[in-house]
Amino acid sequence: MERVMIVGGPGSGKSTLARALGAVSGLPVFHMDHIHYGPGWQQREPEVKTWMSEEVHRKPRWIFEGNHSRSYAQRMARAELLIWLDLPVGLRLWRVVRRQVRYLGKTRPDMPKGCVERLDKGALDFWLWIWRTRKTARARIAEMVATPPQHLTVVKLGSRAEVAAFLDAVEGGAWADGAAELPGQVARPAAKHRPHAAPGAA
């Protein structure tokens, strides 16, 4: 597998998982937050985000983590593996607050330069946004993965234990086996059957 798409709500562990998979596979890792924001938390326009996303998923090899619903269909068309981190919102909120405290006054490794973590009204608004969109954002991803393209393997991980089991399997060689049996797998590419010979054909 050379193109991996990771989605999930804030605090679900997308960046951490992407870095771990990059270390195992050797694939380059790309973070959607580098596309969402310019220096100083400046939000880019949706059209710019879509264009920058396309610049990534047109590459031959990638692990691309993060959410931008406008680009979901295009990324799915190119990806070979989609991982949905569907962790509880309470855990995600706790992780978001914890990382904001940990990196207070600093920039996280997966963020653009100049995006310094702070505990202010912007942080509070972000927490409220996570809570308010907990159902709608999840429903959007659930709808997306309900009918994946036939070429796409889909993995859904709903707890820390499932994420740990997935990483253990990958580090144990499942990646080299082509993701034939990965924990959390809910969809696999349809088997390709050789066409039957026509009656009377030699």
N, C-alpha and C. Protein backbone atom coordinates (compact mmCIF):
# COMPACT_ATOMS: atom_id res chain seq x y z
N MET A 1 0.84 -1.19 0.00
CA MET A 1 0.00 0.00 0.00
C MET A 1 0.87 1.24 0.00
N GLU A 2 0.53 2.18 -0.86
CA GLU A 2 1.36 3.37 -0.99
C GLU A 2 0.58 4.66 -0.81
N ARG A 3 -0.75 4.57 -0.61
CA ARG A 3 -1.55 5.78 -0.40
C ARG A 3 -2.57 5.48 0.69
N VAL A 4 -2.42 6.18 1.83
CA VAL A 4 -3.23 5.92 3.02
C VAL A 4 -3.90 7.21 3.46
N MET A 5 -5.19 7.15 3.68
CA MET A 5 -6.01 8.29 4.10
C MET A 5 -6.47 8.05 5.53
N ILE A 6 -6.24 9.01 6.42
CA ILE A 6 -6.66 8.89 7.82
C ILE A 6 -7.60 10.04 8.15
N VAL A 7 -8.80 9.69 8.65
CA VAL A 7 -9.78 10.71 9.02
C VAL A 7 -10.26 10.45 10.45
N GLY A 8 -10.91 11.46 11.04
CA GLY A 8 -11.42 11.34 12.39
C GLY A 8 -11.52 12.71 13.02
N GLY A 9 -12.25 12.82 14.11
CA GLY A 9 -12.43 14.10 14.76
C GLY A 9 -11.17 14.60 15.43
N PRO A 10 -11.13 15.91 15.80
CA PRO A 10 -9.98 16.45 16.52
C PRO A 10 -9.72 15.65 17.80
N GLY A 11 -8.45 15.36 18.05
CA GLY A 11 -8.08 14.62 19.25
C GLY A 11 -8.20 13.11 19.11
N SER A 12 -8.51 12.63 17.91
CA SER A 12 -8.65 11.18 17.73
C SER A 12 -7.32 10.48 17.54
N GLY A 13 -6.24 11.23 17.32
CA GLY A 13 -4.92 10.63 17.18
C GLY A 13 -4.46 10.44 15.75
N LYS A 14 -5.01 11.23 14.83
CA LYS A 14 -4.66 11.08 13.42
C LYS A 14 -3.18 11.33 13.17
N SER A 15 -2.66 12.42 13.72
CA SER A 15 -1.25 12.77 13.48
C SER A 15 -0.32 11.73 14.08
N THR A 16 -0.63 11.28 15.29
CA THR A 16 0.21 10.28 15.95
C THR A 16 0.23 8.98 15.17
N LEU A 17 -0.94 8.54 14.71
CA LEU A 17 -1.01 7.30 13.93
C LEU A 17 -0.28 7.47 12.60
N ALA A 18 -0.45 8.62 11.96
CA ALA A 18 0.22 8.84 10.68
C ALA A 18 1.73 8.76 10.81
N ARG A 19 2.27 9.37 11.87
CA ARG A 19 3.72 9.31 12.07
C ARG A 19 4.18 7.89 12.34
N ALA A 20 3.41 7.13 13.12
CA ALA A 20 3.78 5.74 13.41
C ALA A 20 3.77 4.90 12.14
N LEU A 21 2.74 5.07 11.31
CA LEU A 21 2.67 4.32 10.07
C LEU A 21 3.76 4.75 9.09
N GLY A 22 4.09 6.03 9.11
CA GLY A 22 5.17 6.49 8.25
C GLY A 22 6.50 5.87 8.63
N ALA A 23 6.73 5.70 9.93
CA ALA A 23 7.97 5.09 10.40
C ALA A 23 8.06 3.63 9.98
N VAL A 24 6.92 2.93 9.98
CA VAL A 24 6.91 1.52 9.59
C VAL A 24 7.02 1.34 8.08
N SER A 25 6.29 2.15 7.35
CA SER A 25 6.17 1.95 5.90
C SER A 25 7.19 2.72 5.08
N GLY A 26 7.74 3.80 5.64
CA GLY A 26 8.63 4.64 4.86
C GLY A 26 7.90 5.61 3.96
N LEU A 27 6.57 5.67 4.06
CA LEU A 27 5.80 6.59 3.23
C LEU A 27 5.89 8.01 3.79
N PRO A 28 5.88 9.02 2.93
CA PRO A 28 5.88 10.40 3.41
C PRO A 28 4.54 10.74 4.06
N VAL A 29 4.58 11.53 5.13
CA VAL A 29 3.39 11.88 5.90
C VAL A 29 3.03 13.34 5.64
N PHE A 30 1.74 13.57 5.38
CA PHE A 30 1.23 14.93 5.15
C PHE A 30 0.10 15.20 6.12
N HIS A 31 0.10 16.41 6.70
CA HIS A 31 -0.89 16.80 7.69
C HIS A 31 -1.83 17.85 7.11
N MET A 32 -3.14 17.61 7.19
CA MET A 32 -4.12 18.55 6.66
C MET A 32 -4.06 19.90 7.36
N ASP A 33 -3.63 19.93 8.62
CA ASP A 33 -3.54 21.22 9.32
C ASP A 33 -2.55 22.17 8.66
N HIS A 34 -1.57 21.64 7.94
CA HIS A 34 -0.66 22.50 7.19
C HIS A 34 -1.38 23.16 6.02
N ILE A 35 -2.50 22.57 5.62
CA ILE A 35 -3.31 23.12 4.54
C ILE A 35 -4.40 24.04 5.09
N HIS A 36 -5.01 23.65 6.20
CA HIS A 36 -6.05 24.47 6.80
C HIS A 36 -5.54 25.84 7.21
N TYR A 37 -4.32 25.89 7.75
CA TYR A 37 -3.83 27.13 8.37
C TYR A 37 -2.52 27.60 7.74
N GLY A 38 -2.40 28.91 7.67
CA GLY A 38 -1.12 29.54 7.42
C GLY A 38 -0.54 29.99 8.75
N PRO A 39 0.61 30.66 8.76
CA PRO A 39 1.20 31.13 10.02
C PRO A 39 0.22 31.99 10.82
N GLY A 40 0.25 31.82 12.15
CA GLY A 40 -0.61 32.62 13.01
C GLY A 40 -2.06 32.21 12.98
N TRP A 41 -2.32 30.94 12.67
CA TRP A 41 -3.68 30.40 12.67
C TRP A 41 -4.58 31.07 11.62
N GLN A 42 -4.00 31.55 10.54
CA GLN A 42 -4.80 32.16 9.48
C GLN A 42 -5.46 31.08 8.63
N GLN A 43 -6.79 31.06 8.65
CA GLN A 43 -7.53 30.06 7.88
C GLN A 43 -7.43 30.37 6.38
N ARG A 44 -7.13 29.33 5.60
CA ARG A 44 -7.13 29.51 4.15
C ARG A 44 -8.55 29.36 3.60
N GLU A 45 -8.77 29.91 2.43
CA GLU A 45 -10.07 29.80 1.78
C GLU A 45 -10.32 28.35 1.36
N PRO A 46 -11.59 27.90 1.38
CA PRO A 46 -11.90 26.51 1.02
C PRO A 46 -11.34 26.08 -0.33
N GLU A 47 -11.41 26.97 -1.31
CA GLU A 47 -10.91 26.61 -2.64
C GLU A 47 -9.39 26.38 -2.62
N VAL A 48 -8.70 27.17 -1.81
CA VAL A 48 -7.25 27.01 -1.69
C VAL A 48 -6.93 25.69 -1.00
N LYS A 49 -7.70 25.36 0.04
CA LYS A 49 -7.50 24.09 0.74
C LYS A 49 -7.68 22.92 -0.21
N THR A 50 -8.71 22.99 -1.05
CA THR A 50 -8.97 21.90 -1.99
C THR A 50 -7.82 21.76 -2.98
N TRP A 51 -7.34 22.88 -3.50
CA TRP A 51 -6.23 22.84 -4.45
C TRP A 51 -4.98 22.27 -3.79
N MET A 52 -4.67 22.69 -2.56
CA MET A 52 -3.49 22.19 -1.87
C MET A 52 -3.64 20.70 -1.54
N SER A 53 -4.86 20.26 -1.22
CA SER A 53 -5.10 18.83 -0.98
C SER A 53 -4.82 18.03 -2.23
N GLU A 54 -5.28 18.53 -3.36
CA GLU A 54 -5.06 17.83 -4.63
C GLU A 54 -3.57 17.69 -4.92
N GLU A 55 -2.79 18.71 -4.58
CA GLU A 55 -1.35 18.66 -4.80
C GLU A 55 -0.72 17.50 -4.03
N VAL A 56 -1.31 17.14 -2.88
CA VAL A 56 -0.80 16.02 -2.10
C VAL A 56 -1.27 14.71 -2.68
N HIS A 57 -2.60 14.54 -2.86
CA HIS A 57 -3.07 13.20 -3.22
C HIS A 57 -2.81 12.83 -4.68
N ARG A 58 -2.30 13.76 -5.46
CA ARG A 58 -1.85 13.41 -6.82
C ARG A 58 -0.46 12.77 -6.81
N LYS A 59 0.24 12.88 -5.68
CA LYS A 59 1.55 12.26 -5.57
C LYS A 59 1.39 10.73 -5.58
N PRO A 60 2.43 10.00 -5.95
CA PRO A 60 2.31 8.54 -6.03
C PRO A 60 2.30 7.84 -4.68
N ARG A 61 2.86 8.46 -3.64
CA ARG A 61 2.97 7.80 -2.34
C ARG A 61 2.67 8.79 -1.23
N TRP A 62 1.82 8.40 -0.28
CA TRP A 62 1.53 9.31 0.83
C TRP A 62 0.73 8.63 1.94
N ILE A 63 0.90 9.21 3.13
CA ILE A 63 -0.04 9.03 4.23
C ILE A 63 -0.57 10.43 4.49
N PHE A 64 -1.86 10.63 4.30
CA PHE A 64 -2.47 11.95 4.34
C PHE A 64 -3.52 11.95 5.44
N GLU A 65 -3.24 12.66 6.54
CA GLU A 65 -4.17 12.65 7.67
C GLU A 65 -4.86 13.99 7.82
N GLY A 66 -6.16 13.92 8.14
CA GLY A 66 -6.90 15.14 8.41
C GLY A 66 -8.20 15.20 7.63
N ASN A 67 -9.01 16.18 8.00
CA ASN A 67 -10.35 16.29 7.44
C ASN A 67 -10.48 17.54 6.58
N HIS A 68 -11.04 17.35 5.42
CA HIS A 68 -11.47 18.44 4.55
C HIS A 68 -12.49 17.79 3.62
N SER A 69 -13.77 17.91 3.97
CA SER A 69 -14.80 17.10 3.33
C SER A 69 -14.89 17.33 1.83
N ARG A 70 -14.51 18.52 1.37
CA ARG A 70 -14.56 18.79 -0.07
C ARG A 70 -13.63 17.87 -0.85
N SER A 71 -12.59 17.38 -0.20
CA SER A 71 -11.61 16.55 -0.91
C SER A 71 -11.76 15.06 -0.59
N TYR A 72 -12.75 14.69 0.21
CA TYR A 72 -12.91 13.29 0.59
C TYR A 72 -13.00 12.37 -0.63
N ALA A 73 -13.90 12.70 -1.55
CA ALA A 73 -14.14 11.81 -2.70
C ALA A 73 -12.88 11.63 -3.54
N GLN A 74 -12.15 12.72 -3.76
CA GLN A 74 -10.93 12.63 -4.57
C GLN A 74 -9.86 11.81 -3.86
N ARG A 75 -9.73 12.01 -2.56
CA ARG A 75 -8.74 11.23 -1.82
C ARG A 75 -9.09 9.75 -1.80
N MET A 76 -10.38 9.45 -1.61
CA MET A 76 -10.81 8.05 -1.61
C MET A 76 -10.56 7.39 -2.95
N ALA A 77 -10.72 8.15 -4.02
CA ALA A 77 -10.49 7.59 -5.36
C ALA A 77 -9.03 7.21 -5.57
N ARG A 78 -8.11 7.88 -4.86
CA ARG A 78 -6.69 7.61 -5.01
C ARG A 78 -6.13 6.68 -3.94
N ALA A 79 -6.74 6.70 -2.75
CA ALA A 79 -6.20 5.95 -1.61
C ALA A 79 -6.39 4.44 -1.81
N GLU A 80 -5.50 3.69 -1.17
CA GLU A 80 -5.63 2.23 -1.13
C GLU A 80 -6.14 1.75 0.22
N LEU A 81 -5.91 2.56 1.26
CA LEU A 81 -6.37 2.24 2.60
C LEU A 81 -6.93 3.50 3.24
N LEU A 82 -8.13 3.39 3.82
CA LEU A 82 -8.73 4.49 4.58
C LEU A 82 -8.88 4.03 6.03
N ILE A 83 -8.35 4.82 6.97
CA ILE A 83 -8.47 4.51 8.39
C ILE A 83 -9.34 5.59 9.03
N TRP A 84 -10.43 5.16 9.66
CA TRP A 84 -11.32 6.07 10.37
C TRP A 84 -11.12 5.88 11.86
N LEU A 85 -10.62 6.91 12.53
CA LEU A 85 -10.46 6.89 13.97
C LEU A 85 -11.74 7.46 14.59
N ASP A 86 -12.58 6.58 15.10
CA ASP A 86 -13.91 6.94 15.59
C ASP A 86 -13.95 6.84 17.12
N LEU A 87 -13.13 7.63 17.78
CA LEU A 87 -13.02 7.56 19.23
C LEU A 87 -14.06 8.46 19.92
N PRO A 88 -14.42 8.14 21.17
CA PRO A 88 -15.45 8.90 21.89
C PRO A 88 -15.08 10.38 22.03
N VAL A 89 -16.09 11.24 21.99
CA VAL A 89 -15.85 12.68 22.02
C VAL A 89 -15.24 13.12 23.35
N GLY A 90 -15.60 12.47 24.46
CA GLY A 90 -15.01 12.84 25.74
C GLY A 90 -13.51 12.64 25.75
N LEU A 91 -13.06 11.52 25.22
CA LEU A 91 -11.63 11.24 25.13
C LEU A 91 -10.95 12.24 24.21
N ARG A 92 -11.60 12.56 23.12
CA ARG A 92 -11.00 13.49 22.16
C ARG A 92 -10.85 14.89 22.78
N LEU A 93 -11.87 15.34 23.48
CA LEU A 93 -11.79 16.65 24.12
C LEU A 93 -10.66 16.69 25.15
N TRP A 94 -10.55 15.63 25.93
CA TRP A 94 -9.48 15.56 26.93
C TRP A 94 -8.11 15.63 26.25
N ARG A 95 -7.94 14.93 25.15
CA ARG A 95 -6.66 14.95 24.44
C ARG A 95 -6.36 16.33 23.88
N VAL A 96 -7.39 17.01 23.35
CA VAL A 96 -7.18 18.34 22.80
C VAL A 96 -6.71 19.31 23.88
N VAL A 97 -7.39 19.28 25.03
CA VAL A 97 -7.00 20.16 26.14
C VAL A 97 -5.58 19.81 26.62
N ARG A 98 -5.30 18.52 26.73
CA ARG A 98 -3.99 18.09 27.22
C ARG A 98 -2.87 18.56 26.30
N ARG A 99 -3.08 18.44 24.98
CA ARG A 99 -2.01 18.86 24.07
C ARG A 99 -1.87 20.38 24.04
N GLN A 100 -2.98 21.10 24.24
CA GLN A 100 -2.88 22.56 24.31
C GLN A 100 -2.06 22.99 25.51
N VAL A 101 -2.25 22.30 26.62
CA VAL A 101 -1.46 22.62 27.82
C VAL A 101 0.00 22.21 27.62
N ARG A 102 0.19 21.04 27.04
CA ARG A 102 1.56 20.55 26.84
C ARG A 102 2.37 21.47 25.93
N TYR A 103 1.74 21.98 24.87
CA TYR A 103 2.46 22.82 23.91
C TYR A 103 2.16 24.30 24.08
N LEU A 104 1.64 24.70 25.24
CA LEU A 104 1.28 26.09 25.47
C LEU A 104 2.48 27.00 25.18
N GLY A 105 2.24 27.96 24.28
CA GLY A 105 3.31 28.88 23.91
C GLY A 105 4.26 28.33 22.87
N LYS A 106 3.99 27.11 22.38
CA LYS A 106 4.84 26.47 21.37
C LYS A 106 3.99 26.04 20.18
N THR A 107 4.65 25.56 19.14
CA THR A 107 3.97 25.04 17.96
C THR A 107 4.11 23.52 17.93
N ARG A 108 2.98 22.81 17.79
CA ARG A 108 3.02 21.36 17.74
C ARG A 108 3.75 20.89 16.48
N PRO A 109 4.33 19.67 16.51
CA PRO A 109 5.10 19.19 15.36
C PRO A 109 4.29 19.07 14.07
N ASP A 110 2.98 18.84 14.19
CA ASP A 110 2.15 18.65 13.00
C ASP A 110 1.47 19.92 12.53
N MET A 111 1.84 21.08 13.10
CA MET A 111 1.22 22.35 12.75
C MET A 111 2.21 23.24 12.00
N PRO A 112 1.69 24.18 11.19
CA PRO A 112 2.58 25.12 10.50
C PRO A 112 3.30 26.03 11.48
N LYS A 113 4.40 26.60 11.05
CA LYS A 113 5.15 27.54 11.88
C LYS A 113 4.27 28.74 12.22
N GLY A 114 4.39 29.20 13.45
CA GLY A 114 3.64 30.37 13.87
C GLY A 114 2.27 30.06 14.43
N CYS A 115 1.85 28.80 14.43
CA CYS A 115 0.58 28.41 15.03
C CYS A 115 0.86 27.96 16.46
N VAL A 116 0.96 28.93 17.34
CA VAL A 116 1.35 28.69 18.73
C VAL A 116 0.12 28.32 19.55
N GLU A 117 0.23 27.28 20.35
CA GLU A 117 -0.88 26.86 21.20
C GLU A 117 -1.12 27.88 22.30
N ARG A 118 -2.39 28.15 22.56
CA ARG A 118 -2.74 29.12 23.59
C ARG A 118 -4.08 28.72 24.20
N LEU A 119 -4.29 29.14 25.42
CA LEU A 119 -5.55 28.92 26.12
C LEU A 119 -6.27 30.26 26.21
N ASP A 120 -7.13 30.50 25.25
CA ASP A 120 -7.85 31.77 25.17
C ASP A 120 -9.25 31.51 24.63
N LYS A 121 -9.93 32.55 24.19
CA LYS A 121 -11.28 32.38 23.65
C LYS A 121 -11.28 31.48 22.43
N GLY A 122 -10.22 31.56 21.63
CA GLY A 122 -10.13 30.70 20.46
C GLY A 122 -10.10 29.23 20.85
N ALA A 123 -9.38 28.91 21.94
CA ALA A 123 -9.35 27.53 22.42
C ALA A 123 -10.72 27.09 22.90
N LEU A 124 -11.41 27.97 23.63
CA LEU A 124 -12.76 27.64 24.11
C LEU A 124 -13.71 27.43 22.94
N ASP A 125 -13.64 28.28 21.94
CA ASP A 125 -14.49 28.13 20.76
C ASP A 125 -14.23 26.79 20.07
N PHE A 126 -12.97 26.38 20.05
CA PHE A 126 -12.62 25.10 19.43
C PHE A 126 -13.23 23.94 20.20
N TRP A 127 -13.15 23.99 21.53
CA TRP A 127 -13.76 22.92 22.34
C TRP A 127 -15.27 22.84 22.09
N LEU A 128 -15.91 24.01 22.05
CA LEU A 128 -17.35 24.03 21.82
C LEU A 128 -17.70 23.51 20.43
N TRP A 129 -16.86 23.85 19.46
CA TRP A 129 -17.09 23.37 18.09
C TRP A 129 -16.99 21.85 18.02
N ILE A 130 -16.01 21.27 18.70
CA ILE A 130 -15.87 19.81 18.73
C ILE A 130 -17.14 19.18 19.30
N TRP A 131 -17.66 19.76 20.38
CA TRP A 131 -18.86 19.21 21.01
C TRP A 131 -20.09 19.36 20.12
N ARG A 132 -20.24 20.54 19.54
CA ARG A 132 -21.44 20.81 18.74
C ARG A 132 -21.49 20.00 17.45
N THR A 133 -20.33 19.67 16.90
CA THR A 133 -20.29 18.95 15.62
C THR A 133 -20.03 17.46 15.81
N ARG A 134 -20.07 16.98 17.05
CA ARG A 134 -19.71 15.58 17.31
C ARG A 134 -20.57 14.59 16.53
N LYS A 135 -21.83 14.92 16.31
CA LYS A 135 -22.73 14.01 15.61
C LYS A 135 -22.71 14.23 14.10
N THR A 136 -22.75 15.49 13.69
CA THR A 136 -22.80 15.77 12.26
C THR A 136 -21.51 15.39 11.55
N ALA A 137 -20.36 15.67 12.19
CA ALA A 137 -19.08 15.33 11.57
C ALA A 137 -18.92 13.82 11.47
N ARG A 138 -19.34 13.12 12.52
CA ARG A 138 -19.24 11.66 12.49
C ARG A 138 -20.16 11.07 11.43
N ALA A 139 -21.38 11.63 11.32
CA ALA A 139 -22.33 11.12 10.33
C ALA A 139 -21.80 11.30 8.91
N ARG A 140 -21.09 12.41 8.68
CA ARG A 140 -20.54 12.66 7.35
C ARG A 140 -19.50 11.60 6.99
N ILE A 141 -18.65 11.26 7.93
CA ILE A 141 -17.64 10.23 7.66
C ILE A 141 -18.29 8.86 7.52
N ALA A 142 -19.27 8.57 8.39
CA ALA A 142 -19.95 7.27 8.33
C ALA A 142 -20.62 7.08 6.97
N GLU A 143 -21.23 8.13 6.46
CA GLU A 143 -21.86 8.05 5.14
C GLU A 143 -20.81 7.82 4.06
N MET A 144 -19.67 8.47 4.21
CA MET A 144 -18.60 8.36 3.22
C MET A 144 -18.06 6.94 3.13
N VAL A 145 -17.88 6.28 4.27
CA VAL A 145 -17.25 4.96 4.27
C VAL A 145 -18.27 3.83 4.10
N ALA A 146 -19.57 4.17 4.07
CA ALA A 146 -20.60 3.14 3.94
C ALA A 146 -20.54 2.44 2.60
N THR A 147 -20.17 3.18 1.56
CA THR A 147 -20.10 2.60 0.21
C THR A 147 -18.76 3.00 -0.42
N PRO A 148 -17.66 2.41 0.05
CA PRO A 148 -16.34 2.79 -0.47
C PRO A 148 -16.12 2.27 -1.89
N PRO A 149 -15.22 2.88 -2.63
CA PRO A 149 -14.84 2.33 -3.94
C PRO A 149 -14.34 0.90 -3.78
N GLN A 150 -14.51 0.09 -4.81
CA GLN A 150 -14.17 -1.33 -4.71
C GLN A 150 -12.70 -1.57 -4.46
N HIS A 151 -11.85 -0.62 -4.83
CA HIS A 151 -10.41 -0.83 -4.67
C HIS A 151 -9.93 -0.53 -3.26
N LEU A 152 -10.80 0.06 -2.41
CA LEU A 152 -10.36 0.66 -1.16
C LEU A 152 -10.61 -0.25 0.04
N THR A 153 -9.56 -0.47 0.83
CA THR A 153 -9.69 -1.15 2.12
C THR A 153 -10.04 -0.11 3.17
N VAL A 154 -11.06 -0.39 4.00
CA VAL A 154 -11.50 0.54 5.04
C VAL A 154 -11.31 -0.11 6.41
N VAL A 155 -10.69 0.62 7.32
CA VAL A 155 -10.48 0.18 8.69
C VAL A 155 -11.11 1.21 9.62
N LYS A 156 -11.91 0.74 10.57
CA LYS A 156 -12.54 1.63 11.56
C LYS A 156 -12.05 1.23 12.95
N LEU A 157 -11.46 2.18 13.65
CA LEU A 157 -10.92 1.95 14.98
C LEU A 157 -11.67 2.84 15.97
N GLY A 158 -12.34 2.21 16.96
CA GLY A 158 -13.23 2.95 17.83
C GLY A 158 -12.78 3.08 19.27
N SER A 159 -11.56 2.66 19.59
CA SER A 159 -11.07 2.77 20.97
C SER A 159 -9.55 2.78 20.96
N ARG A 160 -8.98 3.16 22.11
CA ARG A 160 -7.52 3.14 22.22
C ARG A 160 -6.99 1.73 22.08
N ALA A 161 -7.74 0.74 22.60
CA ALA A 161 -7.30 -0.66 22.49
C ALA A 161 -7.27 -1.11 21.03
N GLU A 162 -8.25 -0.69 20.25
CA GLU A 162 -8.28 -1.07 18.84
C GLU A 162 -7.15 -0.41 18.06
N VAL A 163 -6.85 0.83 18.40
CA VAL A 163 -5.73 1.51 17.74
C VAL A 163 -4.42 0.80 18.08
N ALA A 164 -4.26 0.40 19.35
CA ALA A 164 -3.05 -0.30 19.77
C ALA A 164 -2.92 -1.64 19.07
N ALA A 165 -4.04 -2.36 18.93
CA ALA A 165 -4.02 -3.66 18.25
C ALA A 165 -3.67 -3.49 16.78
N PHE A 166 -4.18 -2.43 16.18
CA PHE A 166 -3.87 -2.14 14.78
C PHE A 166 -2.38 -1.88 14.60
N LEU A 167 -1.81 -1.05 15.47
CA LEU A 167 -0.38 -0.75 15.37
C LEU A 167 0.47 -2.01 15.62
N ASP A 168 0.04 -2.83 16.58
CA ASP A 168 0.77 -4.07 16.84
C ASP A 168 0.79 -4.96 15.61
N ALA A 169 -0.36 -5.04 14.92
CA ALA A 169 -0.45 -5.87 13.72
C ALA A 169 0.44 -5.32 12.60
N VAL A 170 0.43 -3.99 12.45
CA VAL A 170 1.24 -3.37 11.41
C VAL A 170 2.72 -3.59 11.69
N GLU A 171 3.12 -3.36 12.94
CA GLU A 171 4.52 -3.54 13.31
C GLU A 171 4.93 -5.01 13.27
N GLY A 172 3.93 -5.90 13.37
CA GLY A 172 4.20 -7.33 13.30
C GLY A 172 4.27 -7.88 11.90
N GLY A 173 4.08 -7.02 10.90
CA GLY A 173 4.23 -7.46 9.52
C GLY A 173 3.00 -7.40 8.66
N ALA A 174 1.86 -6.99 9.23
CA ALA A 174 0.62 -6.95 8.44
C ALA A 174 0.74 -5.98 7.27
N TRP A 175 1.52 -4.91 7.45
CA TRP A 175 1.68 -3.94 6.36
C TRP A 175 2.37 -4.59 5.16
N ALA A 176 3.41 -5.36 5.45
CA ALA A 176 4.15 -6.02 4.38
C ALA A 176 3.29 -7.05 3.67
N ASP A 177 2.27 -7.56 4.36
CA ASP A 177 1.38 -8.55 3.75
C ASP A 177 0.28 -7.92 2.92
N GLY A 178 0.34 -6.61 2.74
CA GLY A 178 -0.65 -5.96 1.90
C GLY A 178 -1.98 -5.72 2.58
N ALA A 179 -1.99 -5.63 3.90
CA ALA A 179 -3.21 -5.35 4.66
C ALA A 179 -4.28 -6.40 4.42
N ALA A 180 -3.87 -7.64 4.24
CA ALA A 180 -4.85 -8.70 4.00
C ALA A 180 -5.77 -8.87 5.20
N GLU A 181 -5.22 -8.77 6.39
CA GLU A 181 -6.02 -8.94 7.61
C GLU A 181 -5.59 -7.92 8.65
N LEU A 182 -6.23 -6.78 8.65
CA LEU A 182 -5.90 -5.74 9.61
C LEU A 182 -7.02 -5.62 10.65
N PRO A 183 -6.69 -5.43 11.92
CA PRO A 183 -7.73 -5.22 12.93
C PRO A 183 -8.61 -4.02 12.56
N GLY A 184 -9.92 -4.17 12.79
CA GLY A 184 -10.85 -3.10 12.50
C GLY A 184 -11.32 -3.02 11.07
N GLN A 185 -10.88 -3.96 10.25
CA GLN A 185 -11.21 -3.90 8.84
C GLN A 185 -12.70 -4.12 8.62
N VAL A 186 -13.34 -3.22 7.90
CA VAL A 186 -14.77 -3.33 7.63
C VAL A 186 -15.08 -3.48 6.16
N ALA A 187 -14.11 -3.21 5.32
CA ALA A 187 -14.32 -3.36 3.88
C ALA A 187 -13.00 -3.70 3.22
N ARG A 188 -13.06 -4.63 2.29
CA ARG A 188 -11.88 -5.02 1.54
C ARG A 188 -12.17 -4.89 0.05
N PRO A 189 -11.13 -4.67 -0.74
CA PRO A 189 -11.36 -4.59 -2.18
C PRO A 189 -12.00 -5.87 -2.69
N ALA A 190 -12.92 -5.71 -3.64
CA ALA A 190 -13.58 -6.87 -4.22
C ALA A 190 -12.56 -7.73 -4.96
N ALA A 191 -12.70 -9.04 -4.79
CA ALA A 191 -11.79 -9.96 -5.47
C ALA A 191 -11.98 -9.87 -6.97
N LYS A 192 -10.88 -9.92 -7.67
CA LYS A 192 -10.94 -9.87 -9.13
C LYS A 192 -11.02 -11.29 -9.67
N HIS A 193 -12.05 -11.55 -10.40
CA HIS A 193 -12.25 -12.88 -10.96
C HIS A 193 -11.90 -12.87 -12.44
N ARG A 194 -11.29 -13.93 -12.87
CA ARG A 194 -10.98 -14.06 -14.28
C ARG A 194 -12.27 -14.34 -15.04
N PRO A 195 -12.51 -13.74 -16.17
CA PRO A 195 -13.75 -13.96 -16.90
C PRO A 195 -13.83 -15.41 -17.39
N HIS A 196 -15.06 -15.97 -17.38
CA HIS A 196 -15.27 -17.31 -17.88
C HIS A 196 -15.13 -17.30 -19.40
N ALA A 197 -14.59 -18.39 -19.91
CA ALA A 197 -14.46 -18.51 -21.36
C ALA A 197 -15.85 -18.69 -21.98
N ALA A 198 -16.04 -18.07 -23.11
CA ALA A 198 -17.33 -18.21 -23.81
C ALA A 198 -17.52 -19.65 -24.25
N PRO A 199 -18.79 -20.09 -24.31
CA PRO A 199 -19.05 -21.47 -24.77
C PRO A 199 -18.40 -21.72 -26.12
N GLY A 200 -17.70 -22.83 -26.18
CA GLY A 200 -17.09 -23.22 -27.45
C GLY A 200 -15.73 -22.59 -27.69
N ALA A 201 -15.31 -21.74 -26.75
CA ALA A 201 -14.00 -21.10 -26.94
C ALA A 201 -12.90 -22.09 -26.68
N ALA A 202 -11.79 -21.95 -27.39
CA ALA A 202 -10.67 -22.87 -27.25
C ALA A 202 -9.95 -22.62 -25.95
